[in-house]
N, C-alpha and C. Protein backbone atom coordinates (compact mmCIF):
# COMPACT_ATOMS: atom_id res chain seq x y z
N MET A 1 9.56 -20.27 8.90
CA MET A 1 9.38 -18.99 8.25
C MET A 1 8.34 -19.12 7.16
N SER A 2 7.52 -18.09 6.99
CA SER A 2 6.48 -18.15 5.97
C SER A 2 7.09 -17.94 4.59
N GLY A 3 6.25 -18.13 3.56
CA GLY A 3 6.72 -18.01 2.19
C GLY A 3 7.20 -16.62 1.85
N ILE A 4 6.57 -15.60 2.40
CA ILE A 4 6.96 -14.21 2.11
C ILE A 4 8.37 -13.97 2.62
N PHE A 5 8.62 -14.40 3.85
CA PHE A 5 9.92 -14.12 4.43
C PHE A 5 11.00 -14.98 3.81
N ARG A 6 10.64 -16.19 3.34
CA ARG A 6 11.62 -16.98 2.59
C ARG A 6 11.97 -16.27 1.30
N GLY A 7 10.96 -15.65 0.65
CA GLY A 7 11.23 -14.91 -0.58
C GLY A 7 12.11 -13.70 -0.34
N VAL A 8 11.86 -12.99 0.76
CA VAL A 8 12.70 -11.84 1.11
C VAL A 8 14.12 -12.30 1.40
N ALA A 9 14.24 -13.41 2.12
CA ALA A 9 15.57 -13.93 2.43
C ALA A 9 16.28 -14.35 1.15
N GLY A 10 15.53 -14.92 0.19
CA GLY A 10 16.14 -15.29 -1.08
C GLY A 10 16.61 -14.08 -1.85
N VAL A 11 15.82 -13.01 -1.85
CA VAL A 11 16.23 -11.77 -2.51
C VAL A 11 17.47 -11.21 -1.86
N ILE A 12 17.48 -11.23 -0.53
CA ILE A 12 18.65 -10.72 0.19
C ILE A 12 19.88 -11.54 -0.16
N GLY A 13 19.69 -12.87 -0.24
CA GLY A 13 20.81 -13.73 -0.60
C GLY A 13 21.32 -13.43 -1.99
N ARG A 14 20.39 -13.24 -2.96
CA ARG A 14 20.81 -12.92 -4.33
C ARG A 14 21.50 -11.58 -4.40
N VAL A 15 20.96 -10.59 -3.68
CA VAL A 15 21.56 -9.26 -3.71
C VAL A 15 22.95 -9.29 -3.11
N SER A 16 23.08 -9.98 -1.98
CA SER A 16 24.38 -9.96 -1.31
C SER A 16 25.40 -10.75 -2.11
N THR A 17 25.00 -11.86 -2.77
CA THR A 17 25.98 -12.61 -3.56
C THR A 17 26.29 -11.89 -4.85
N ALA A 18 25.30 -11.20 -5.43
CA ALA A 18 25.55 -10.47 -6.67
C ALA A 18 26.51 -9.31 -6.44
N ALA A 19 26.44 -8.71 -5.29
CA ALA A 19 27.33 -7.59 -5.00
C ALA A 19 28.61 -8.05 -4.34
N SER A 20 28.77 -9.37 -4.21
CA SER A 20 29.94 -10.00 -3.58
C SER A 20 30.25 -9.38 -2.22
N THR A 21 29.22 -9.31 -1.41
CA THR A 21 29.41 -8.82 -0.05
C THR A 21 29.35 -10.00 0.89
N SER A 22 29.81 -9.80 2.08
CA SER A 22 29.80 -10.89 3.04
C SER A 22 28.40 -11.11 3.58
N ALA A 23 28.14 -12.32 4.04
CA ALA A 23 26.81 -12.64 4.56
C ALA A 23 26.53 -11.94 5.87
N SER A 24 27.55 -11.49 6.56
CA SER A 24 27.32 -10.82 7.84
C SER A 24 26.86 -9.38 7.64
N ARG A 25 26.88 -8.90 6.42
CA ARG A 25 26.48 -7.53 6.16
C ARG A 25 24.98 -7.35 6.31
N TRP A 26 24.22 -8.35 5.91
CA TRP A 26 22.77 -8.30 6.00
C TRP A 26 22.30 -9.18 7.13
N SER A 27 21.27 -8.76 7.80
CA SER A 27 20.68 -9.63 8.81
C SER A 27 19.17 -9.53 8.72
N LEU A 28 18.52 -10.66 8.76
CA LEU A 28 17.07 -10.71 8.72
C LEU A 28 16.60 -11.10 10.10
N ALA A 29 16.01 -10.14 10.81
CA ALA A 29 15.56 -10.39 12.17
C ALA A 29 14.07 -10.62 12.15
N SER A 30 13.62 -11.62 12.87
CA SER A 30 12.19 -11.93 12.93
C SER A 30 11.73 -11.80 14.37
N ASN A 31 10.76 -10.92 14.57
CA ASN A 31 10.17 -10.76 15.90
C ASN A 31 8.90 -11.58 15.93
N ALA A 32 8.74 -12.41 16.93
CA ALA A 32 7.57 -13.26 17.02
C ALA A 32 6.40 -12.54 17.66
N ALA A 33 6.59 -11.33 18.17
CA ALA A 33 5.50 -10.61 18.83
C ALA A 33 4.55 -10.07 17.78
N PRO A 34 3.29 -10.47 17.80
CA PRO A 34 2.35 -9.97 16.81
C PRO A 34 1.98 -8.52 17.09
N SER A 35 1.54 -7.84 16.02
CA SER A 35 1.16 -6.44 16.18
C SER A 35 -0.17 -6.31 16.91
N LEU A 36 -1.05 -7.28 16.77
CA LEU A 36 -2.31 -7.29 17.49
C LEU A 36 -2.30 -8.46 18.46
N PRO A 37 -2.76 -8.26 19.68
CA PRO A 37 -2.70 -9.36 20.64
C PRO A 37 -3.62 -10.52 20.30
N SER A 38 -4.63 -10.30 19.44
CA SER A 38 -5.56 -11.38 19.11
C SER A 38 -4.97 -12.34 18.08
N LEU A 39 -3.91 -11.96 17.39
CA LEU A 39 -3.34 -12.82 16.37
C LEU A 39 -2.31 -13.76 16.97
N PRO A 40 -2.28 -15.01 16.52
CA PRO A 40 -1.25 -15.93 17.01
C PRO A 40 0.13 -15.50 16.53
N ALA A 41 1.15 -15.99 17.20
CA ALA A 41 2.51 -15.57 16.89
C ALA A 41 2.96 -16.05 15.52
N HIS A 42 2.45 -17.19 15.04
CA HIS A 42 2.92 -17.69 13.75
C HIS A 42 2.27 -16.97 12.57
N ILE A 43 1.21 -16.20 12.80
CA ILE A 43 0.54 -15.50 11.70
C ILE A 43 1.19 -14.15 11.42
N ALA A 44 1.60 -13.45 12.46
CA ALA A 44 2.07 -12.08 12.26
C ALA A 44 3.52 -11.88 12.66
N PRO A 45 4.47 -12.60 12.06
CA PRO A 45 5.86 -12.29 12.36
C PRO A 45 6.26 -11.01 11.64
N ILE A 46 7.08 -10.25 12.26
CA ILE A 46 7.51 -8.99 11.68
C ILE A 46 8.98 -9.14 11.31
N ALA A 47 9.28 -8.98 10.05
CA ALA A 47 10.66 -9.13 9.61
C ALA A 47 11.23 -7.75 9.33
N THR A 48 12.40 -7.52 9.80
CA THR A 48 13.07 -6.25 9.53
C THR A 48 14.40 -6.54 8.86
N LEU A 49 14.71 -5.75 7.90
CA LEU A 49 15.96 -5.90 7.17
C LEU A 49 16.89 -4.79 7.63
N THR A 50 18.01 -5.16 8.16
CA THR A 50 18.95 -4.15 8.63
C THR A 50 20.26 -4.33 7.90
N THR A 51 20.95 -3.26 7.72
CA THR A 51 22.26 -3.30 7.10
C THR A 51 23.25 -2.55 7.97
N LEU A 52 24.49 -2.91 7.86
CA LEU A 52 25.49 -2.31 8.72
C LEU A 52 26.14 -1.08 8.10
N THR A 53 26.02 -0.93 6.80
CA THR A 53 26.64 0.22 6.15
C THR A 53 25.60 1.00 5.38
N ALA A 54 25.79 2.30 5.31
CA ALA A 54 24.81 3.17 4.66
C ALA A 54 24.91 3.10 3.14
N GLU A 55 26.11 2.85 2.59
CA GLU A 55 26.25 2.87 1.14
C GLU A 55 25.62 1.64 0.47
N SER A 56 25.22 0.66 1.24
CA SER A 56 24.66 -0.55 0.64
C SER A 56 23.17 -0.45 0.40
N ARG A 57 22.54 0.69 0.67
CA ARG A 57 21.10 0.76 0.48
C ARG A 57 20.71 0.73 -0.99
N PHE A 58 21.65 1.01 -1.91
CA PHE A 58 21.33 0.90 -3.33
C PHE A 58 21.15 -0.55 -3.75
N LEU A 59 21.59 -1.49 -2.92
CA LEU A 59 21.47 -2.90 -3.27
C LEU A 59 20.02 -3.37 -3.25
N ALA A 60 19.19 -2.73 -2.43
CA ALA A 60 17.79 -3.14 -2.33
C ALA A 60 17.03 -2.55 -3.51
N TRP A 61 16.70 -3.36 -4.48
CA TRP A 61 16.05 -2.88 -5.68
C TRP A 61 14.55 -2.80 -5.52
N HIS A 62 13.96 -3.55 -4.62
CA HIS A 62 12.52 -3.50 -4.40
C HIS A 62 12.20 -2.37 -3.43
N PRO A 63 11.13 -1.58 -3.65
CA PRO A 63 10.82 -0.44 -2.78
C PRO A 63 10.66 -0.82 -1.31
N ALA A 64 10.04 -1.99 -1.05
CA ALA A 64 9.86 -2.39 0.34
C ALA A 64 11.19 -2.69 1.00
N LEU A 65 12.10 -3.32 0.25
CA LEU A 65 13.43 -3.61 0.80
C LEU A 65 14.22 -2.32 0.99
N ALA A 66 14.09 -1.39 0.04
CA ALA A 66 14.82 -0.13 0.17
C ALA A 66 14.35 0.64 1.38
N CYS A 67 13.04 0.66 1.63
CA CYS A 67 12.52 1.35 2.81
C CYS A 67 12.97 0.66 4.08
N ALA A 68 13.04 -0.67 4.04
CA ALA A 68 13.47 -1.39 5.23
C ALA A 68 14.94 -1.10 5.53
N VAL A 69 15.74 -0.96 4.48
CA VAL A 69 17.15 -0.65 4.70
C VAL A 69 17.31 0.73 5.30
N ARG A 70 16.49 1.68 4.83
CA ARG A 70 16.59 3.04 5.34
C ARG A 70 15.92 3.19 6.69
N GLY A 71 15.18 2.20 7.13
CA GLY A 71 14.51 2.28 8.42
C GLY A 71 13.17 2.97 8.35
N LYS A 72 12.60 3.09 7.16
CA LYS A 72 11.30 3.74 7.01
C LYS A 72 10.23 2.67 6.85
N LYS A 73 8.98 3.08 7.04
CA LYS A 73 7.87 2.17 6.80
C LYS A 73 7.44 2.27 5.35
N THR A 74 6.94 1.17 4.81
CA THR A 74 6.54 1.16 3.41
C THR A 74 5.15 1.72 3.21
N GLY A 75 4.36 1.82 4.26
CA GLY A 75 3.01 2.33 4.11
C GLY A 75 2.07 1.33 3.47
N GLY A 76 2.30 0.06 3.72
CA GLY A 76 1.46 -0.98 3.15
C GLY A 76 0.10 -1.03 3.81
N MET A 77 -0.83 -1.71 3.15
CA MET A 77 -2.18 -1.86 3.68
C MET A 77 -2.32 -3.25 4.26
N THR A 78 -3.06 -3.36 5.34
CA THR A 78 -3.28 -4.64 5.99
C THR A 78 -4.76 -4.85 6.20
N VAL A 79 -5.23 -6.01 5.82
CA VAL A 79 -6.61 -6.40 6.08
C VAL A 79 -6.55 -7.73 6.81
N TYR A 80 -7.15 -7.79 7.98
CA TYR A 80 -7.14 -9.01 8.77
C TYR A 80 -8.37 -9.83 8.47
N VAL A 81 -8.15 -11.12 8.23
CA VAL A 81 -9.25 -12.05 8.00
C VAL A 81 -9.74 -12.51 9.36
N GLY A 82 -11.05 -12.43 9.57
CA GLY A 82 -11.61 -12.74 10.88
C GLY A 82 -11.60 -14.23 11.20
N ASP A 83 -12.25 -14.57 12.29
CA ASP A 83 -12.29 -15.95 12.74
C ASP A 83 -13.06 -16.85 11.78
N ASN A 84 -14.01 -16.28 11.05
CA ASN A 84 -14.80 -17.10 10.14
C ASN A 84 -14.10 -17.34 8.80
N ASN A 85 -12.87 -16.85 8.64
CA ASN A 85 -12.05 -17.06 7.44
C ASN A 85 -12.76 -16.63 6.17
N ASP A 86 -13.42 -15.49 6.21
CA ASP A 86 -14.14 -14.97 5.04
C ASP A 86 -13.16 -14.16 4.19
N VAL A 87 -12.47 -14.86 3.30
CA VAL A 87 -11.44 -14.23 2.49
C VAL A 87 -12.06 -13.29 1.46
N ASP A 88 -13.23 -13.65 0.95
CA ASP A 88 -13.88 -12.79 -0.05
C ASP A 88 -14.22 -11.42 0.54
N ARG A 89 -14.70 -11.41 1.78
CA ARG A 89 -15.01 -10.15 2.44
C ARG A 89 -13.74 -9.33 2.64
N ALA A 90 -12.65 -10.00 3.02
CA ALA A 90 -11.38 -9.30 3.21
C ALA A 90 -10.87 -8.72 1.90
N LEU A 91 -11.03 -9.46 0.80
CA LEU A 91 -10.61 -8.94 -0.50
C LEU A 91 -11.44 -7.74 -0.93
N ARG A 92 -12.76 -7.80 -0.67
CA ARG A 92 -13.61 -6.65 -1.00
C ARG A 92 -13.19 -5.43 -0.18
N LYS A 93 -12.89 -5.66 1.09
CA LYS A 93 -12.46 -4.57 1.96
C LYS A 93 -11.14 -3.97 1.46
N LEU A 94 -10.20 -4.85 1.06
CA LEU A 94 -8.92 -4.39 0.53
C LEU A 94 -9.12 -3.59 -0.75
N ARG A 95 -10.01 -4.06 -1.62
CA ARG A 95 -10.27 -3.35 -2.87
C ARG A 95 -10.84 -1.96 -2.60
N ARG A 96 -11.78 -1.88 -1.64
CA ARG A 96 -12.35 -0.56 -1.28
C ARG A 96 -11.27 0.36 -0.73
N MET A 97 -10.38 -0.19 0.10
CA MET A 97 -9.30 0.63 0.66
C MET A 97 -8.38 1.13 -0.45
N MET A 98 -8.06 0.26 -1.41
CA MET A 98 -7.17 0.65 -2.51
C MET A 98 -7.82 1.72 -3.38
N ILE A 99 -9.12 1.60 -3.63
CA ILE A 99 -9.82 2.61 -4.43
C ILE A 99 -9.85 3.93 -3.68
N GLY A 100 -10.10 3.86 -2.38
CA GLY A 100 -10.15 5.07 -1.56
C GLY A 100 -8.82 5.79 -1.50
N GLU A 101 -7.73 5.04 -1.48
CA GLU A 101 -6.39 5.65 -1.44
C GLU A 101 -5.92 6.11 -2.81
N GLY A 102 -6.61 5.69 -3.87
CA GLY A 102 -6.21 6.09 -5.22
C GLY A 102 -5.18 5.17 -5.84
N LEU A 103 -4.94 4.01 -5.25
CA LEU A 103 -3.94 3.09 -5.79
C LEU A 103 -4.39 2.45 -7.09
N VAL A 104 -5.67 2.17 -7.21
CA VAL A 104 -6.18 1.54 -8.43
C VAL A 104 -6.00 2.50 -9.60
N GLN A 105 -6.33 3.77 -9.40
CA GLN A 105 -6.18 4.76 -10.46
C GLN A 105 -4.71 4.94 -10.82
N GLU A 106 -3.83 4.91 -9.82
CA GLU A 106 -2.40 5.06 -10.09
C GLU A 106 -1.87 3.87 -10.89
N MET A 107 -2.34 2.67 -10.57
CA MET A 107 -1.92 1.49 -11.34
C MET A 107 -2.39 1.60 -12.79
N LYS A 108 -3.62 2.10 -12.99
CA LYS A 108 -4.11 2.28 -14.35
C LYS A 108 -3.30 3.33 -15.09
N ASP A 109 -2.92 4.40 -14.38
CA ASP A 109 -2.15 5.46 -15.01
C ASP A 109 -0.75 5.00 -15.40
N ARG A 110 -0.19 4.06 -14.66
CA ARG A 110 1.18 3.61 -14.93
C ARG A 110 1.26 2.51 -15.97
N ARG A 111 0.14 2.08 -16.52
CA ARG A 111 0.18 1.02 -17.53
C ARG A 111 0.92 1.47 -18.78
N TYR A 112 0.69 2.71 -19.18
CA TYR A 112 1.35 3.23 -20.36
C TYR A 112 1.60 4.72 -20.14
N PHE A 113 2.46 5.28 -20.96
CA PHE A 113 2.84 6.68 -20.82
C PHE A 113 1.73 7.58 -21.35
N ARG A 114 1.45 8.64 -20.60
CA ARG A 114 0.48 9.63 -21.03
C ARG A 114 1.15 10.99 -21.03
N LYS A 115 0.88 11.76 -22.08
CA LYS A 115 1.48 13.09 -22.17
C LYS A 115 0.91 13.98 -21.08
N GLY A 116 1.69 14.99 -20.71
CA GLY A 116 1.26 15.93 -19.69
C GLY A 116 0.02 16.70 -20.08
N SER A 117 -0.11 17.02 -21.37
CA SER A 117 -1.29 17.76 -21.82
C SER A 117 -2.55 16.92 -21.67
N ASP A 118 -2.44 15.61 -21.95
CA ASP A 118 -3.59 14.73 -21.77
C ASP A 118 -3.98 14.64 -20.30
N LYS A 119 -2.98 14.58 -19.43
CA LYS A 119 -3.26 14.52 -17.99
C LYS A 119 -3.95 15.79 -17.52
N ARG A 120 -3.50 16.95 -18.03
CA ARG A 120 -4.11 18.21 -17.63
C ARG A 120 -5.55 18.31 -18.11
N VAL A 121 -5.81 17.87 -19.35
CA VAL A 121 -7.17 17.90 -19.88
C VAL A 121 -8.08 17.01 -19.04
N GLU A 122 -7.60 15.82 -18.71
CA GLU A 122 -8.41 14.91 -17.89
C GLU A 122 -8.64 15.47 -16.49
N ALA A 123 -7.61 16.09 -15.91
CA ALA A 123 -7.76 16.67 -14.57
C ALA A 123 -8.77 17.81 -14.59
N ARG A 124 -8.75 18.64 -15.66
CA ARG A 124 -9.70 19.74 -15.75
C ARG A 124 -11.13 19.21 -15.89
N SER A 125 -11.32 18.19 -16.72
CA SER A 125 -12.67 17.63 -16.88
C SER A 125 -13.14 16.98 -15.59
N MET A 126 -12.24 16.36 -14.83
CA MET A 126 -12.62 15.77 -13.55
C MET A 126 -13.01 16.85 -12.55
N ARG A 127 -12.28 17.97 -12.54
CA ARG A 127 -12.63 19.08 -11.65
C ARG A 127 -14.01 19.63 -11.99
N GLU A 128 -14.27 19.82 -13.29
CA GLU A 128 -15.58 20.33 -13.70
C GLU A 128 -16.69 19.36 -13.32
N TYR A 129 -16.45 18.07 -13.50
CA TYR A 129 -17.45 17.06 -13.13
C TYR A 129 -17.74 17.11 -11.64
N LYS A 130 -16.70 17.23 -10.83
CA LYS A 130 -16.90 17.26 -9.37
C LYS A 130 -17.63 18.52 -8.93
N THR A 131 -17.34 19.66 -9.55
CA THR A 131 -18.05 20.88 -9.17
C THR A 131 -19.52 20.81 -9.59
N ARG A 132 -19.80 20.26 -10.78
CA ARG A 132 -21.20 20.08 -11.19
C ARG A 132 -21.94 19.17 -10.23
N LYS A 133 -21.30 18.10 -9.83
CA LYS A 133 -21.92 17.16 -8.89
C LYS A 133 -22.17 17.82 -7.54
N GLN A 134 -21.21 18.64 -7.09
CA GLN A 134 -21.36 19.31 -5.80
C GLN A 134 -22.49 20.34 -5.84
N THR A 135 -22.60 21.10 -6.92
CA THR A 135 -23.70 22.07 -7.01
C THR A 135 -25.05 21.37 -7.10
N LEU A 136 -25.11 20.25 -7.81
CA LEU A 136 -26.36 19.49 -7.87
C LEU A 136 -26.75 18.98 -6.49
N ARG A 137 -25.79 18.48 -5.73
CA ARG A 137 -26.09 18.02 -4.37
C ARG A 137 -26.58 19.17 -3.50
N ARG A 138 -25.95 20.34 -3.63
CA ARG A 138 -26.37 21.50 -2.84
C ARG A 138 -27.81 21.88 -3.18
N ARG A 139 -28.14 21.92 -4.48
CA ARG A 139 -29.49 22.29 -4.90
C ARG A 139 -30.52 21.26 -4.43
N LEU A 140 -30.18 19.98 -4.55
CA LEU A 140 -31.10 18.94 -4.09
C LEU A 140 -31.29 19.02 -2.58
N GLY A 141 -30.22 19.31 -1.86
CA GLY A 141 -30.33 19.46 -0.42
C GLY A 141 -31.23 20.61 -0.05
N TRP A 142 -31.14 21.72 -0.78
CA TRP A 142 -31.98 22.88 -0.51
C TRP A 142 -33.44 22.55 -0.80
N ILE A 143 -33.68 21.85 -1.91
CA ILE A 143 -35.06 21.46 -2.26
C ILE A 143 -35.63 20.51 -1.21
N MET A 144 -34.85 19.53 -0.79
CA MET A 144 -35.34 18.57 0.21
C MET A 144 -35.58 19.26 1.55
N HIS A 145 -34.75 20.25 1.88
CA HIS A 145 -34.93 20.99 3.13
C HIS A 145 -36.25 21.77 3.09
N ARG A 146 -36.53 22.42 1.95
CA ARG A 146 -37.80 23.16 1.81
C ARG A 146 -38.99 22.20 1.86
N LYS A 147 -38.82 21.01 1.29
CA LYS A 147 -39.91 20.03 1.27
C LYS A 147 -40.21 19.55 2.69
N GLU A 148 -39.16 19.38 3.51
CA GLU A 148 -39.36 18.96 4.90
C GLU A 148 -40.14 20.01 5.69
N ARG A 149 -39.87 21.28 5.40
CA ARG A 149 -40.55 22.35 6.13
C ARG A 149 -41.99 22.53 5.66
N GLY A 150 -42.36 21.93 4.53
CA GLY A 150 -43.74 21.98 4.06
C GLY A 150 -44.01 23.08 3.06
N PHE A 151 -43.03 23.54 2.34
CA PHE A 151 -43.24 24.59 1.34
C PHE A 151 -43.47 23.98 0.00
């Protein structure tokens, strides 16, 4: 088992012993079938956390574990490292994906508490900035279109 799944199993063990439940209540199933046929079986094991009772879902304190207990997907991001093992390229790709999804901004927002009025002021200024940028693009596009036609 990889380090991630050992960590999940350790969390499950701590949760089940802390709640004084039996070990048969939780089961960690590992499917060796990879999600992509090009990946070897030892790289992409899929672990699912299942529980036998519905009231035990409060035991999973981590969001990924809670989603696994409920049978939902966590919506995680995956970046596959190619055959040339270019980890830097994969990290850049992951960073771009996180910025595109807005996760980086959300992490910055959650660092400290911000009042609702401050959030509204910032949202209004961002809207105004985006509309100014859009009108500038439209005007530049019109100018470039006229220039192409020879006016």
